[in-house]
Amino acid sequence: MNIIGFAASSSRKSINKQLVTFAATLLPLAQVEILDLNDYELPLFSEDREKEIGKPALAHNFLEKIGGCDAVIISFAEHNGSYSTAYKNLFDWCSRINPKVFQGRPMVFLSTSPGPGGGARVLAGALNSAPSFNGQVRSSFSLPRFYDNFDVENACIRSPEMLSELTGVMNKLND
């Protein structure tokens, strides 16, 4: 199985990138490519900008990555209860090219944050909107209190219970 994963964040120290990278290791038989949203940085979307420059090649490239894989894993960063600007901007450009951005791919949605909510608000929004963009979300997982529950040095979840839950979530991509 060929999978792409990414953190919906442009932070170079993204805790969501750490989570999605770890989650990918739970699928040892899959080939997982972790993308970096910084490689797809685009001008701020607006209809006026689109008329001026057209649809950027980087947005096309990102959609090709989704179309060329068997499944997608996204870990959503929560910025003020919603998507990060970097993710939302890329998504907006992509949706102008193909409104069915996720192209029917099976997906797992993750989130984490330093606080007790674990990014649950942005995760709920993403889960709610995914079907409108042809996303087939198989399961989701939220990791609260990232720095308490994730061993950054060893790049793994500390809690056996949370690890078991995430493993079950990731295995849904095989269903």
Protein backbone atom coordinates (compact mmCIF):
# COMPACT_ATOMS: atom_id res chain seq x y z
CA MET A 1 0.00 0.00 0.00
CA ASN A 2 1.29 3.43 -1.01
CA ILE A 3 0.32 6.12 1.53
CA ILE A 4 0.97 9.81 1.85
CA GLY A 5 0.90 11.50 5.21
CA PHE A 6 1.30 15.07 6.30
CA ALA A 7 0.74 17.49 9.11
CA ALA A 8 -1.73 20.25 8.29
CA SER A 9 0.83 22.72 9.60
CA SER A 10 3.76 24.70 8.26
CA SER A 11 5.66 24.68 11.56
CA ARG A 12 9.13 23.20 11.16
CA LYS A 13 8.78 21.84 14.72
CA SER A 14 5.21 20.64 14.20
CA ILE A 15 3.96 18.26 16.85
CA ASN A 16 1.40 17.08 14.32
CA LYS A 17 4.20 16.15 11.93
CA GLN A 18 5.79 14.17 14.76
CA LEU A 19 2.47 12.40 15.36
CA VAL A 20 1.78 11.57 11.71
CA THR A 21 5.36 10.37 11.22
CA PHE A 22 5.05 8.07 14.23
CA ALA A 23 1.61 6.85 13.12
CA ALA A 24 3.09 5.86 9.76
CA THR A 25 5.50 3.49 11.53
CA LEU A 26 2.47 1.53 12.74
CA LEU A 27 1.92 0.39 9.13
CA PRO A 28 5.14 -1.56 8.56
CA LEU A 29 3.98 -3.14 5.29
CA ALA A 30 3.03 0.20 3.72
CA GLN A 31 5.27 2.61 1.89
CA VAL A 32 4.58 5.99 3.45
CA GLU A 33 5.79 9.32 2.13
CA ILE A 34 5.55 12.16 4.64
CA LEU A 35 4.94 15.44 2.85
CA ASP A 36 5.86 18.88 4.19
CA LEU A 37 3.35 21.66 3.55
CA ASN A 38 6.27 24.08 3.26
CA ASP A 39 7.03 22.42 -0.08
CA TYR A 40 3.59 23.56 -1.28
CA GLU A 41 3.58 27.17 -0.10
CA LEU A 42 1.31 29.27 -2.28
CA PRO A 43 0.17 32.88 -2.46
CA LEU A 44 -2.90 33.66 -0.39
CA PHE A 45 -5.92 32.41 -2.29
CA SER A 46 -8.48 34.82 -3.67
CA GLU A 47 -10.56 34.81 -6.83
CA ASP A 48 -8.71 37.93 -7.96
CA ARG A 49 -5.34 36.21 -7.48
CA GLU A 50 -6.61 33.14 -9.34
CA LYS A 51 -7.60 35.36 -12.32
CA GLU A 52 -4.12 36.93 -12.27
CA ILE A 53 -1.94 33.82 -11.97
CA GLY A 54 -4.20 30.87 -12.76
CA LYS A 55 -4.01 27.68 -10.75
CA PRO A 56 -0.47 27.17 -9.39
CA ALA A 57 1.59 24.14 -10.36
CA LEU A 58 2.24 23.35 -6.67
CA ALA A 59 -1.49 22.88 -6.10
CA HIS A 60 -1.63 20.55 -9.10
CA ASN A 61 1.39 18.66 -7.74
CA PHE A 62 -0.25 18.24 -4.34
CA LEU A 63 -3.43 16.87 -5.94
CA GLU A 64 -1.31 14.46 -7.99
CA LYS A 65 0.22 13.15 -4.77
CA ILE A 66 -3.26 12.45 -3.40
CA GLY A 67 -4.41 10.90 -6.66
CA GLY A 68 -1.32 8.73 -6.89
CA CYS A 69 -1.60 7.08 -3.47
CA ASP A 70 -3.77 4.36 -1.99
CA ALA A 71 -4.55 6.18 1.28
CA VAL A 72 -3.94 9.44 3.14
CA ILE A 73 -3.07 10.23 6.76
CA ILE A 74 -3.47 13.83 7.95
CA SER A 75 -2.67 15.19 11.40
CA PHE A 76 -4.45 18.50 11.89
CA ALA A 77 -2.91 21.38 13.79
CA GLU A 78 -5.48 23.49 15.60
CA HIS A 79 -5.07 27.25 15.26
CA ASN A 80 -7.70 29.15 17.24
CA GLY A 81 -10.09 26.20 16.94
CA SER A 82 -9.70 25.77 13.19
CA TYR A 83 -7.30 24.78 10.41
CA SER A 84 -3.85 26.31 10.10
CA THR A 85 -3.61 29.00 7.44
CA ALA A 86 -1.05 26.96 5.50
CA TYR A 87 -3.39 23.97 5.19
CA LYS A 88 -6.52 26.01 4.49
CA ASN A 89 -4.79 28.03 1.77
CA LEU A 90 -3.41 24.93 0.01
CA PHE A 91 -6.79 23.22 0.34
CA ASP A 92 -8.58 26.25 -1.13
CA TRP A 93 -6.28 26.31 -4.17
CA CYS A 94 -6.64 22.54 -4.65
CA SER A 95 -10.44 22.71 -4.43
CA ARG A 96 -10.46 25.17 -7.34
CA ILE A 97 -8.73 22.54 -9.47
CA ASN A 98 -10.70 19.53 -8.22
CA PRO A 99 -13.61 20.10 -5.80
CA LYS A 100 -13.26 16.45 -4.77
CA VAL A 101 -9.79 17.13 -3.33
CA PHE A 102 -9.47 13.78 -1.52
CA GLN A 103 -10.39 11.82 -4.66
CA GLY A 104 -12.13 8.98 -2.82
CA ARG A 105 -9.02 7.92 -0.95
CA PRO A 106 -9.35 6.05 2.36
CA MET A 107 -8.13 8.35 5.09
CA VAL A 108 -7.19 8.51 8.75
CA PHE A 109 -7.44 11.87 10.48
CA LEU A 110 -5.30 12.65 13.51
CA SER A 111 -4.78 15.69 15.71
CA THR A 112 -2.79 16.73 18.72
CA SER A 113 -2.09 19.85 20.73
CA PRO A 114 -0.21 20.77 23.90
CA GLY A 115 -3.52 21.18 25.73
CA PRO A 116 -6.18 18.79 26.98
CA GLY A 117 -8.37 19.13 23.87
CA GLY A 118 -5.84 17.45 21.58
CA GLY A 119 -7.03 19.48 18.60
CA ALA A 120 -10.51 17.96 18.90
CA ARG A 121 -12.28 21.03 17.48
CA VAL A 122 -10.33 21.10 14.23
CA LEU A 123 -10.57 17.33 13.99
CA ALA A 124 -14.36 17.49 14.33
CA GLY A 125 -14.52 20.10 11.58
CA ALA A 126 -12.31 18.05 9.28
CA LEU A 127 -14.36 14.90 9.89
CA ASN A 128 -17.56 16.80 9.18
CA SER A 129 -16.33 18.30 5.90
CA ALA A 130 -14.36 15.35 4.45
CA PRO A 131 -17.32 13.66 2.71
CA SER A 132 -18.04 16.89 0.81
CA PHE A 133 -14.55 16.68 -0.67
CA ASN A 134 -14.75 12.93 -1.44
CA GLY A 135 -12.73 11.84 1.59
CA GLN A 136 -13.42 8.34 2.88
CA VAL A 137 -12.39 8.72 6.52
CA ARG A 138 -11.95 5.27 8.06
CA SER A 139 -11.08 6.44 11.57
CA SER A 140 -9.65 9.25 13.65
CA PHE A 141 -7.53 9.81 16.74
CA SER A 142 -6.82 12.80 18.96
CA LEU A 143 -3.80 12.89 21.27
CA PRO A 144 -4.27 15.34 24.15
CA ARG A 145 -1.40 16.99 26.04
CA PHE A 146 1.22 16.15 23.44
CA TYR A 147 4.25 16.80 25.63
CA ASP A 148 2.88 14.61 28.42
CA ASN A 149 1.80 11.76 26.16
CA PHE A 150 4.47 11.72 23.44
CA ASP A 151 8.13 10.91 24.01
CA VAL A 152 9.77 13.38 21.62
CA GLU A 153 13.26 11.93 22.10
CA ASN A 154 12.17 8.40 21.17
CA ALA A 155 9.38 9.54 18.81
CA CYS A 156 6.61 7.42 20.28
CA ILE A 157 3.46 7.55 22.36
CA ARG A 158 4.12 6.86 26.05
CA SER A 159 0.76 5.43 27.09
CA PRO A 160 0.17 1.77 26.15
CA GLU A 161 -3.58 2.46 26.03
CA MET A 162 -3.21 5.40 23.64
CA LEU A 163 -0.73 3.46 21.54
CA SER A 164 -3.18 0.58 21.29
CA GLU A 165 -5.96 2.97 20.27
CA LEU A 166 -3.81 4.62 17.58
CA THR A 167 -2.68 1.23 16.28
CA GLY A 168 -6.32 0.20 15.89
CA VAL A 169 -7.10 3.46 14.09
CA MET A 170 -4.19 3.01 11.67
CA ASN A 171 -5.17 -0.59 10.95
CA LYS A 172 -8.52 0.70 9.62
CA LEU A 173 -6.64 1.73 6.47
CA ASN A 174 -6.19 -1.99 5.76
CA ASP A 175 -9.95 -2.66 5.89
